[in-house]
Amino acid sequence: MNKPYYRQIAESEYRKAHSNGRQLLRFSKEPLPWLTEFVNSQYFVPKCEVIDFACGEGINAVYLAQQGCRVTGIDIAEEAVRKAEELAREAGQNIRFLVGDMIRCPQIPDGSFDLALACACFGRLIEDELRISFLKETYRVLRRGGYLFFNNGILFKEIELSFPDIYEKLKSRDGFNEWIEEERRGQYAPPSQRYETRDGYERKLQTVGYRIVHSHLDVSEQAWGIVMWARRP
């Protein structure tokens, strides 16, 4: 990436979490439930080649390896990759982990994978040019017919329109007013995350060439986001 703060923020978050004897705050010890849904869908190809962008501590990567996939994980934070390697060893899974920039992966040839994961990482890219560059990179490394599994948070205004009851409950959360102000101004200071509407995400994926085969919002008082499965034609 062109901005060194992305690496600095990631390293700082992982070090802080690990020093307290836990995983990074936004991940559990289980793979994403939406990912397990994809694995059980008609679109998942058993024993396929997978790349996990911003793989973090490797939970999703290990899960897919346990399904027989050949997995590569890449993350900008060395601390995250170290933890991912430990987890893979403990699980007895042979996974290739790389420290690298998900915006530009010169070590990965074109058309190398059947499935790419972009889980809870897109929002950390604040600048539009980086967001599009990342999606183009996911598209580049996929084979024709390959799939992108994408999930990220959504704007509060989307929650207000689609889930008004939950929106009312979220208004009492710490930091809510700051998020609303960021959304209003359209300015996000790191380490904030920049979210979009459902239509905004779908348009971006379609702009780089993806065909969306599944899209849904998943909103609760604990988490709010969009899940999309998109195919490279």
C-alpha atoms as a PDB file:
ATOM      1  CA  MET A   1       0.000   0.000   0.000  1.00  0.00           C
ATOM      2  CA  ASN A   2       1.055   3.587  -0.462  1.00  0.00           C
ATOM      3  CA  LYS A   3       0.101   4.564   3.086  1.00  0.00           C
ATOM      4  CA  PRO A   4       2.382   3.230   5.849  1.00  0.00           C
ATOM      5  CA  TYR A   5      -0.317   3.778   8.471  1.00  0.00           C
ATOM      6  CA  TYR A   6      -2.198   0.719   7.255  1.00  0.00           C
ATOM      7  CA  ARG A   7       0.651  -1.524   8.303  1.00  0.00           C
ATOM      8  CA  GLN A   8       1.228   0.420  11.515  1.00  0.00           C
ATOM      9  CA  ILE A   9      -2.423   0.254  12.525  1.00  0.00           C
ATOM     10  CA  ALA A  10      -2.659  -3.462  11.834  1.00  0.00           C
ATOM     11  CA  GLU A  11       0.501  -4.296  13.769  1.00  0.00           C
ATOM     12  CA  SER A  12      -0.622  -2.149  16.695  1.00  0.00           C
ATOM     13  CA  GLU A  13      -4.045  -3.780  16.903  1.00  0.00           C
ATOM     14  CA  TYR A  14      -2.706  -7.324  16.833  1.00  0.00           C
ATOM     15  CA  ARG A  15       0.050  -6.608  19.374  1.00  0.00           C
ATOM     16  CA  LYS A  16      -2.451  -5.006  21.748  1.00  0.00           C
ATOM     17  CA  ALA A  17      -4.870  -7.915  21.492  1.00  0.00           C
ATOM     18  CA  HIS A  18      -2.218 -10.618  21.802  1.00  0.00           C
ATOM     19  CA  SER A  19      -0.551  -8.936  24.776  1.00  0.00           C
ATOM     20  CA  ASN A  20      -3.884  -9.358  26.568  1.00  0.00           C
ATOM     21  CA  GLY A  21      -3.897 -13.061  25.760  1.00  0.00           C
ATOM     22  CA  ARG A  22      -6.693 -12.997  23.204  1.00  0.00           C
ATOM     23  CA  GLN A  23      -7.355 -12.789  19.516  1.00  0.00           C
ATOM     24  CA  LEU A  24      -8.062  -9.541  17.733  1.00  0.00           C
ATOM     25  CA  LEU A  25     -11.310  -8.079  19.026  1.00  0.00           C
ATOM     26  CA  ARG A  26     -13.411  -8.515  15.896  1.00  0.00           C
ATOM     27  CA  PHE A  27     -12.712 -12.230  15.384  1.00  0.00           C
ATOM     28  CA  SER A  28     -13.924 -15.271  17.247  1.00  0.00           C
ATOM     29  CA  LYS A  29     -12.278 -18.673  17.323  1.00  0.00           C
ATOM     30  CA  GLU A  30     -14.766 -19.959  14.776  1.00  0.00           C
ATOM     31  CA  PRO A  31     -14.834 -19.353  11.022  1.00  0.00           C
ATOM     32  CA  LEU A  32     -17.362 -16.850   9.760  1.00  0.00           C
ATOM     33  CA  PRO A  33     -20.829 -18.447   9.707  1.00  0.00           C
ATOM     34  CA  TRP A  34     -21.409 -16.881   6.278  1.00  0.00           C
ATOM     35  CA  LEU A  35     -18.313 -18.686   5.012  1.00  0.00           C
ATOM     36  CA  THR A  36     -19.609 -22.036   6.187  1.00  0.00           C
ATOM     37  CA  GLU A  37     -22.821 -21.252   4.291  1.00  0.00           C
ATOM     38  CA  PHE A  38     -20.784 -20.687   1.143  1.00  0.00           C
ATOM     39  CA  VAL A  39     -18.899 -23.949   1.659  1.00  0.00           C
ATOM     40  CA  ASN A  40     -22.245 -25.756   1.823  1.00  0.00           C
ATOM     41  CA  SER A  41     -23.569 -24.026  -1.295  1.00  0.00           C
ATOM     42  CA  GLN A  42     -23.577 -25.119  -4.927  1.00  0.00           C
ATOM     43  CA  TYR A  43     -20.831 -22.611  -5.707  1.00  0.00           C
ATOM     44  CA  PHE A  44     -18.132 -24.147  -3.537  1.00  0.00           C
ATOM     45  CA  VAL A  45     -15.678 -26.487  -5.278  1.00  0.00           C
ATOM     46  CA  PRO A  46     -14.142 -29.049  -2.882  1.00  0.00           C
ATOM     47  CA  LYS A  47     -10.348 -29.153  -2.696  1.00  0.00           C
ATOM     48  CA  CYS A  48     -10.009 -25.882  -4.586  1.00  0.00           C
ATOM     49  CA  GLU A  49      -7.182 -23.335  -4.461  1.00  0.00           C
ATOM     50  CA  VAL A  50      -7.981 -20.492  -2.041  1.00  0.00           C
ATOM     51  CA  ILE A  51      -6.398 -17.143  -1.211  1.00  0.00           C
ATOM     52  CA  ASP A  52      -7.426 -15.396   2.008  1.00  0.00           C
ATOM     53  CA  PHE A  53      -6.704 -11.665   1.731  1.00  0.00           C
ATOM     54  CA  ALA A  54      -6.034  -9.954   5.085  1.00  0.00           C
ATOM     55  CA  CYS A  55      -6.152 -13.414   6.622  1.00  0.00           C
ATOM     56  CA  GLY A  56      -5.546 -12.171  10.145  1.00  0.00           C
ATOM     57  CA  GLU A  57      -4.905 -14.961  12.629  1.00  0.00           C
ATOM     58  CA  GLY A  58      -5.800 -17.607  10.067  1.00  0.00           C
ATOM     59  CA  ILE A  59      -9.101 -18.905  11.413  1.00  0.00           C
ATOM     60  CA  ASN A  60     -10.891 -18.941   8.066  1.00  0.00           C
ATOM     61  CA  ALA A  61      -7.779 -20.226   6.303  1.00  0.00           C
ATOM     62  CA  VAL A  62      -7.489 -23.192   8.668  1.00  0.00           C
ATOM     63  CA  TYR A  63     -11.187 -23.957   8.304  1.00  0.00           C
ATOM     64  CA  LEU A  64     -10.909 -24.116   4.509  1.00  0.00           C
ATOM     65  CA  ALA A  65      -7.756 -26.234   4.717  1.00  0.00           C
ATOM     66  CA  GLN A  66      -9.729 -28.651   6.882  1.00  0.00           C
ATOM     67  CA  GLN A  67     -12.233 -28.881   4.022  1.00  0.00           C
ATOM     68  CA  GLY A  68      -9.436 -30.112   1.778  1.00  0.00           C
ATOM     69  CA  CYS A  69      -8.603 -26.796   0.107  1.00  0.00           C
ATOM     70  CA  ARG A  70      -5.076 -25.666  -0.712  1.00  0.00           C
ATOM     71  CA  VAL A  71      -4.885 -22.313   1.045  1.00  0.00           C
ATOM     72  CA  THR A  72      -2.663 -19.238   0.861  1.00  0.00           C
ATOM     73  CA  GLY A  73      -3.145 -16.458   3.415  1.00  0.00           C
ATOM     74  CA  ILE A  74      -1.722 -12.959   3.117  1.00  0.00           C
ATOM     75  CA  ASP A  75      -1.733 -10.157   5.676  1.00  0.00           C
ATOM     76  CA  ILE A  76       0.070  -6.852   6.023  1.00  0.00           C
ATOM     77  CA  ALA A  77       0.763  -7.454   9.730  1.00  0.00           C
ATOM     78  CA  GLU A  78       3.699  -9.721  10.595  1.00  0.00           C
ATOM     79  CA  GLU A  79       2.167 -10.337  14.017  1.00  0.00           C
ATOM     80  CA  ALA A  80      -1.017 -11.658  12.442  1.00  0.00           C
ATOM     81  CA  VAL A  81       0.890 -13.981  10.113  1.00  0.00           C
ATOM     82  CA  ARG A  82       2.941 -15.328  13.016  1.00  0.00           C
ATOM     83  CA  LYS A  83      -0.245 -16.203  14.898  1.00  0.00           C
ATOM     84  CA  ALA A  84      -1.792 -17.726  11.780  1.00  0.00           C
ATOM     85  CA  GLU A  85       1.221 -19.975  11.293  1.00  0.00           C
ATOM     86  CA  GLU A  86       0.961 -21.113  14.917  1.00  0.00           C
ATOM     87  CA  LEU A  87      -2.730 -21.902  14.516  1.00  0.00           C
ATOM     88  CA  ALA A  88      -2.110 -23.876  11.313  1.00  0.00           C
ATOM     89  CA  ARG A  89       0.613 -25.939  12.983  1.00  0.00           C
ATOM     90  CA  GLU A  90      -1.623 -26.691  15.965  1.00  0.00           C
ATOM     91  CA  ALA A  91      -4.391 -27.782  13.584  1.00  0.00           C
ATOM     92  CA  GLY A  92      -1.981 -29.925  11.549  1.00  0.00           C
ATOM     93  CA  GLN A  93      -2.695 -27.996   8.359  1.00  0.00           C
ATOM     94  CA  ASN A  94      -0.147 -27.104   5.697  1.00  0.00           C
ATOM     95  CA  ILE A  95      -1.004 -23.516   4.739  1.00  0.00           C
ATOM     96  CA  ARG A  96       1.162 -20.973   2.958  1.00  0.00           C
ATOM     97  CA  PHE A  97       1.134 -17.626   4.764  1.00  0.00           C
ATOM     98  CA  LEU A  98       2.676 -14.444   3.369  1.00  0.00           C
ATOM     99  CA  VAL A  99       3.380 -11.018   4.823  1.00  0.00           C
ATOM    100  CA  GLY A 100       2.307  -8.683   2.072  1.00  0.00           C
ATOM    101  CA  ASP A 101       0.158  -5.945   0.657  1.00  0.00           C
ATOM    102  CA  MET A 102      -3.281  -7.032  -0.494  1.00  0.00           C
ATOM    103  CA  ILE A 103      -3.408  -4.121  -2.940  1.00  0.00           C
ATOM    104  CA  ARG A 104      -0.460  -5.459  -4.908  1.00  0.00           C
ATOM    105  CA  CYS A 105       0.684  -9.074  -4.715  1.00  0.00           C
ATOM    106  CA  PRO A 106       3.479  -9.491  -7.284  1.00  0.00           C
ATOM    107  CA  GLN A 107       4.428 -12.849  -5.751  1.00  0.00           C
ATOM    108  CA  ILE A 108       1.079 -14.290  -6.860  1.00  0.00           C
ATOM    109  CA  PRO A 109       0.630 -15.025 -10.601  1.00  0.00           C
ATOM    110  CA  ASP A 110      -2.521 -14.188 -12.523  1.00  0.00           C
ATOM    111  CA  GLY A 111      -5.321 -16.736 -12.386  1.00  0.00           C
ATOM    112  CA  SER A 112      -3.884 -18.802  -9.529  1.00  0.00           C
ATOM    113  CA  PHE A 113      -6.981 -19.409  -7.390  1.00  0.00           C
ATOM    114  CA  ASP A 114     -10.534 -20.713  -7.523  1.00  0.00           C
ATOM    115  CA  LEU A 115     -11.730 -18.777  -4.468  1.00  0.00           C
ATOM    116  CA  ALA A 116     -10.667 -15.472  -2.908  1.00  0.00           C
ATOM    117  CA  LEU A 117     -11.741 -14.278   0.534  1.00  0.00           C
ATOM    118  CA  ALA A 118     -12.158 -10.617   1.433  1.00  0.00           C
ATOM    119  CA  CYS A 119     -13.491 -10.838   4.974  1.00  0.00           C
ATOM    120  CA  ALA A 120     -13.901  -7.657   7.050  1.00  0.00           C
ATOM    121  CA  CYS A 121     -10.933  -5.951   5.393  1.00  0.00           C
ATOM    122  CA  PHE A 122     -12.388  -3.767   2.629  1.00  0.00           C
ATOM    123  CA  GLY A 123     -13.643  -1.124   5.062  1.00  0.00           C
ATOM    124  CA  ARG A 124     -10.137  -0.446   6.314  1.00  0.00           C
ATOM    125  CA  LEU A 125      -9.247   0.983   2.906  1.00  0.00           C
ATOM    126  CA  ILE A 126     -10.360   4.583   3.165  1.00  0.00           C
ATOM    127  CA  GLU A 127      -9.325   5.911  -0.257  1.00  0.00           C
ATOM    128  CA  ASP A 128     -11.437   5.066  -3.309  1.00  0.00           C
ATOM    129  CA  GLU A 129      -8.402   4.304  -5.446  1.00  0.00           C
ATOM    130  CA  LEU A 130      -7.169   1.720  -2.944  1.00  0.00           C
ATOM    131  CA  ARG A 131     -10.588   0.114  -2.695  1.00  0.00           C
ATOM    132  CA  ILE A 132     -10.833  -0.352  -6.447  1.00  0.00           C
ATOM    133  CA  SER A 133      -7.191  -1.478  -6.658  1.00  0.00           C
ATOM    134  CA  PHE A 134      -7.877  -4.181  -4.083  1.00  0.00           C
ATOM    135  CA  LEU A 135     -10.922  -5.498  -5.931  1.00  0.00           C
ATOM    136  CA  LYS A 136      -8.946  -5.551  -9.169  1.00  0.00           C
ATOM    137  CA  GLU A 137      -6.247  -7.573  -7.420  1.00  0.00           C
ATOM    138  CA  THR A 138      -8.764 -10.144  -6.174  1.00  0.00           C
ATOM    139  CA  TYR A 139     -10.083 -10.386  -9.736  1.00  0.00           C
ATOM    140  CA  ARG A 140      -6.589 -10.745 -11.215  1.00  0.00           C
ATOM    141  CA  VAL A 141      -5.546 -13.692  -9.059  1.00  0.00           C
ATOM    142  CA  LEU A 142      -8.766 -15.637  -9.674  1.00  0.00           C
ATOM    143  CA  ARG A 143      -9.176 -18.113 -12.492  1.00  0.00           C
ATOM    144  CA  ARG A 144     -12.104 -17.665 -14.868  1.00  0.00           C
ATOM    145  CA  GLY A 145     -15.147 -19.056 -13.126  1.00  0.00           C
ATOM    146  CA  GLY A 146     -13.611 -18.429  -9.712  1.00  0.00           C
ATOM    147  CA  TYR A 147     -15.480 -16.798  -6.837  1.00  0.00           C
ATOM    148  CA  LEU A 148     -14.926 -13.899  -4.486  1.00  0.00           C
ATOM    149  CA  PHE A 149     -16.362 -14.274  -0.989  1.00  0.00           C
ATOM    150  CA  PHE A 150     -16.852 -10.714   0.299  1.00  0.00           C
ATOM    151  CA  ASN A 151     -18.188  -9.329   3.529  1.00  0.00           C
ATOM    152  CA  ASN A 152     -17.965  -5.933   5.168  1.00  0.00           C
ATOM    153  CA  GLY A 153     -19.897  -3.525   7.362  1.00  0.00           C
ATOM    154  CA  ILE A 154     -22.677  -1.305   6.046  1.00  0.00           C
ATOM    155  CA  LEU A 155     -23.675   2.295   6.668  1.00  0.00           C
ATOM    156  CA  PHE A 156     -25.987   3.110   9.548  1.00  0.00           C
ATOM    157  CA  LYS A 157     -28.388   4.775   7.137  1.00  0.00           C
ATOM    158  CA  GLU A 158     -28.828   1.373   5.455  1.00  0.00           C
ATOM    159  CA  ILE A 159     -29.652  -0.160   8.837  1.00  0.00           C
ATOM    160  CA  GLU A 160     -32.105   2.647   9.594  1.00  0.00           C
ATOM    161  CA  LEU A 161     -33.987   1.975   6.359  1.00  0.00           C
ATOM    162  CA  SER A 162     -33.966  -1.824   6.437  1.00  0.00           C
ATOM    163  CA  PHE A 163     -33.851  -2.634  10.171  1.00  0.00           C
ATOM    164  CA  PRO A 164     -35.413   0.323  12.067  1.00  0.00           C
ATOM    165  CA  ASP A 165     -35.876  -1.623  15.320  1.00  0.00           C
ATOM    166  CA  ILE A 166     -32.205  -2.571  15.492  1.00  0.00           C
ATOM    167  CA  TYR A 167     -31.193   0.948  14.487  1.00  0.00           C
ATOM    168  CA  GLU A 168     -33.035   2.364  17.507  1.00  0.00           C
ATOM    169  CA  LYS A 169     -31.128   0.020  19.801  1.00  0.00           C
ATOM    170  CA  LEU A 170     -27.786   0.854  18.191  1.00  0.00           C
ATOM    171  CA  LYS A 171     -28.306   4.558  18.892  1.00  0.00           C
ATOM    172  CA  SER A 172     -27.462   3.945  22.554  1.00  0.00           C
ATOM    173  CA  ARG A 173     -24.064   2.388  21.793  1.00  0.00           C
ATOM    174  CA  ASP A 174     -20.817   4.151  22.653  1.00  0.00           C
ATOM    175  CA  GLY A 175     -19.343   5.857  19.627  1.00  0.00           C
ATOM    176  CA  PHE A 176     -22.589   5.890  17.669  1.00  0.00           C
ATOM    177  CA  ASN A 177     -22.689   9.670  17.285  1.00  0.00           C
ATOM    178  CA  GLU A 178     -19.091   9.741  16.073  1.00  0.00           C
ATOM    179  CA  TRP A 179     -19.895   7.132  13.408  1.00  0.00           C
ATOM    180  CA  ILE A 180     -22.941   9.106  12.267  1.00  0.00           C
ATOM    181  CA  GLU A 181     -20.841  12.249  11.977  1.00  0.00           C
ATOM    182  CA  GLU A 182     -18.210  10.446   9.915  1.00  0.00           C
ATOM    183  CA  GLU A 183     -20.879   9.112   7.608  1.00  0.00           C
ATOM    184  CA  ARG A 184     -22.410  12.566   7.242  1.00  0.00           C
ATOM    185  CA  ARG A 185     -19.098  14.203   6.365  1.00  0.00           C
ATOM    186  CA  GLY A 186     -17.811  11.301   4.302  1.00  0.00           C
ATOM    187  CA  GLN A 187     -14.450  11.612   6.038  1.00  0.00           C
ATOM    188  CA  TYR A 188     -12.888   8.713   7.909  1.00  0.00           C
ATOM    189  CA  ALA A 189      -9.765   9.060  10.002  1.00  0.00           C
ATOM    190  CA  PRO A 190      -7.682   5.886  10.524  1.00  0.00           C
ATOM    191  CA  PRO A 191      -8.265   3.506  12.212  1.00  0.00           C
ATOM    192  CA  SER A 192     -11.917   4.086  11.363  1.00  0.00           C
ATOM    193  CA  GLN A 193     -13.607   1.899   8.806  1.00  0.00           C
ATOM    194  CA  ARG A 194     -15.411   3.327   5.816  1.00  0.00           C
ATOM    195  CA  TYR A 195     -18.642   1.528   5.034  1.00  0.00           C
ATOM    196  CA  GLU A 196     -20.986   1.821   2.070  1.00  0.00           C
ATOM    197  CA  THR A 197     -24.559   0.988   1.147  1.00  0.00           C
ATOM    198  CA  ARG A 198     -25.433  -2.377  -0.315  1.00  0.00           C
ATOM    199  CA  ASP A 199     -25.795  -0.810  -3.770  1.00  0.00           C
ATOM    200  CA  GLY A 200     -22.426   0.888  -3.390  1.00  0.00           C
ATOM    201  CA  TYR A 201     -20.620  -2.378  -2.709  1.00  0.00           C
ATOM    202  CA  GLU A 202     -22.414  -4.187  -5.504  1.00  0.00           C
ATOM    203  CA  ARG A 203     -21.564  -1.467  -8.032  1.00  0.00           C
ATOM    204  CA  LYS A 204     -17.887  -1.582  -7.094  1.00  0.00           C
ATOM    205  CA  LEU A 205     -17.662  -5.339  -7.608  1.00  0.00           C
ATOM    206  CA  GLN A 206     -19.504  -5.072 -10.889  1.00  0.00           C
ATOM    207  CA  THR A 207     -17.219  -2.234 -12.019  1.00  0.00           C
ATOM    208  CA  VAL A 208     -14.156  -4.487 -11.922  1.00  0.00           C
ATOM    209  CA  GLY A 209     -15.995  -7.262 -13.784  1.00  0.00           C
ATOM    210  CA  TYR A 210     -17.595  -9.492 -11.133  1.00  0.00           C
ATOM    211  CA  ARG A 211     -21.042 -11.005 -11.515  1.00  0.00           C
ATOM    212  CA  ILE A 212     -22.829 -11.172  -8.176  1.00  0.00           C
ATOM    213  CA  VAL A 213     -24.598 -14.482  -7.559  1.00  0.00           C
ATOM    214  CA  HIS A 214     -25.661 -13.897  -3.954  1.00  0.00           C
ATOM    215  CA  SER A 215     -26.074 -10.826  -1.751  1.00  0.00           C
ATOM    216  CA  HIS A 216     -27.713 -10.319   1.621  1.00  0.00           C
ATOM    217  CA  LEU A 217     -27.571  -8.056   4.650  1.00  0.00           C
ATOM    218  CA  ASP A 218     -26.883  -9.590   8.039  1.00  0.00           C
ATOM    219  CA  VAL A 219     -27.734  -7.176  10.849  1.00  0.00           C
ATOM    220  CA  SER A 220     -27.980  -7.589  14.606  1.00  0.00           C
ATOM    221  CA  GLU A 221     -27.137  -5.484  17.649  1.00  0.00           C
ATOM    222  CA  GLN A 222     -23.671  -7.076  17.686  1.00  0.00           C
ATOM    223  CA  ALA A 223     -22.710  -6.855  14.009  1.00  0.00           C
ATOM    224  CA  TRP A 224     -23.994  -5.344  10.818  1.00  0.00           C
ATOM    225  CA  GLY A 225     -22.799  -6.051   7.335  1.00  0.00           C
ATOM    226  CA  ILE A 226     -23.237  -7.329   3.831  1.00  0.00           C
ATOM    227  CA  VAL A 227     -22.291 -10.732   2.453  1.00  0.00           C
ATOM    228  CA  MET A 228     -21.717 -11.233  -1.283  1.00  0.00           C
ATOM    229  CA  TRP A 229     -20.606 -14.100  -3.455  1.00  0.00           C
ATOM    230  CA  ALA A 230     -19.337 -12.911  -6.828  1.00  0.00           C
ATOM    231  CA  ARG A 231     -18.062 -14.808  -9.840  1.00  0.00           C
ATOM    232  CA  ARG A 232     -15.294 -13.891 -12.225  1.00  0.00           C
ATOM    233  CA  PRO A 233     -16.724 -14.648 -15.735  1.00  0.00           C
END
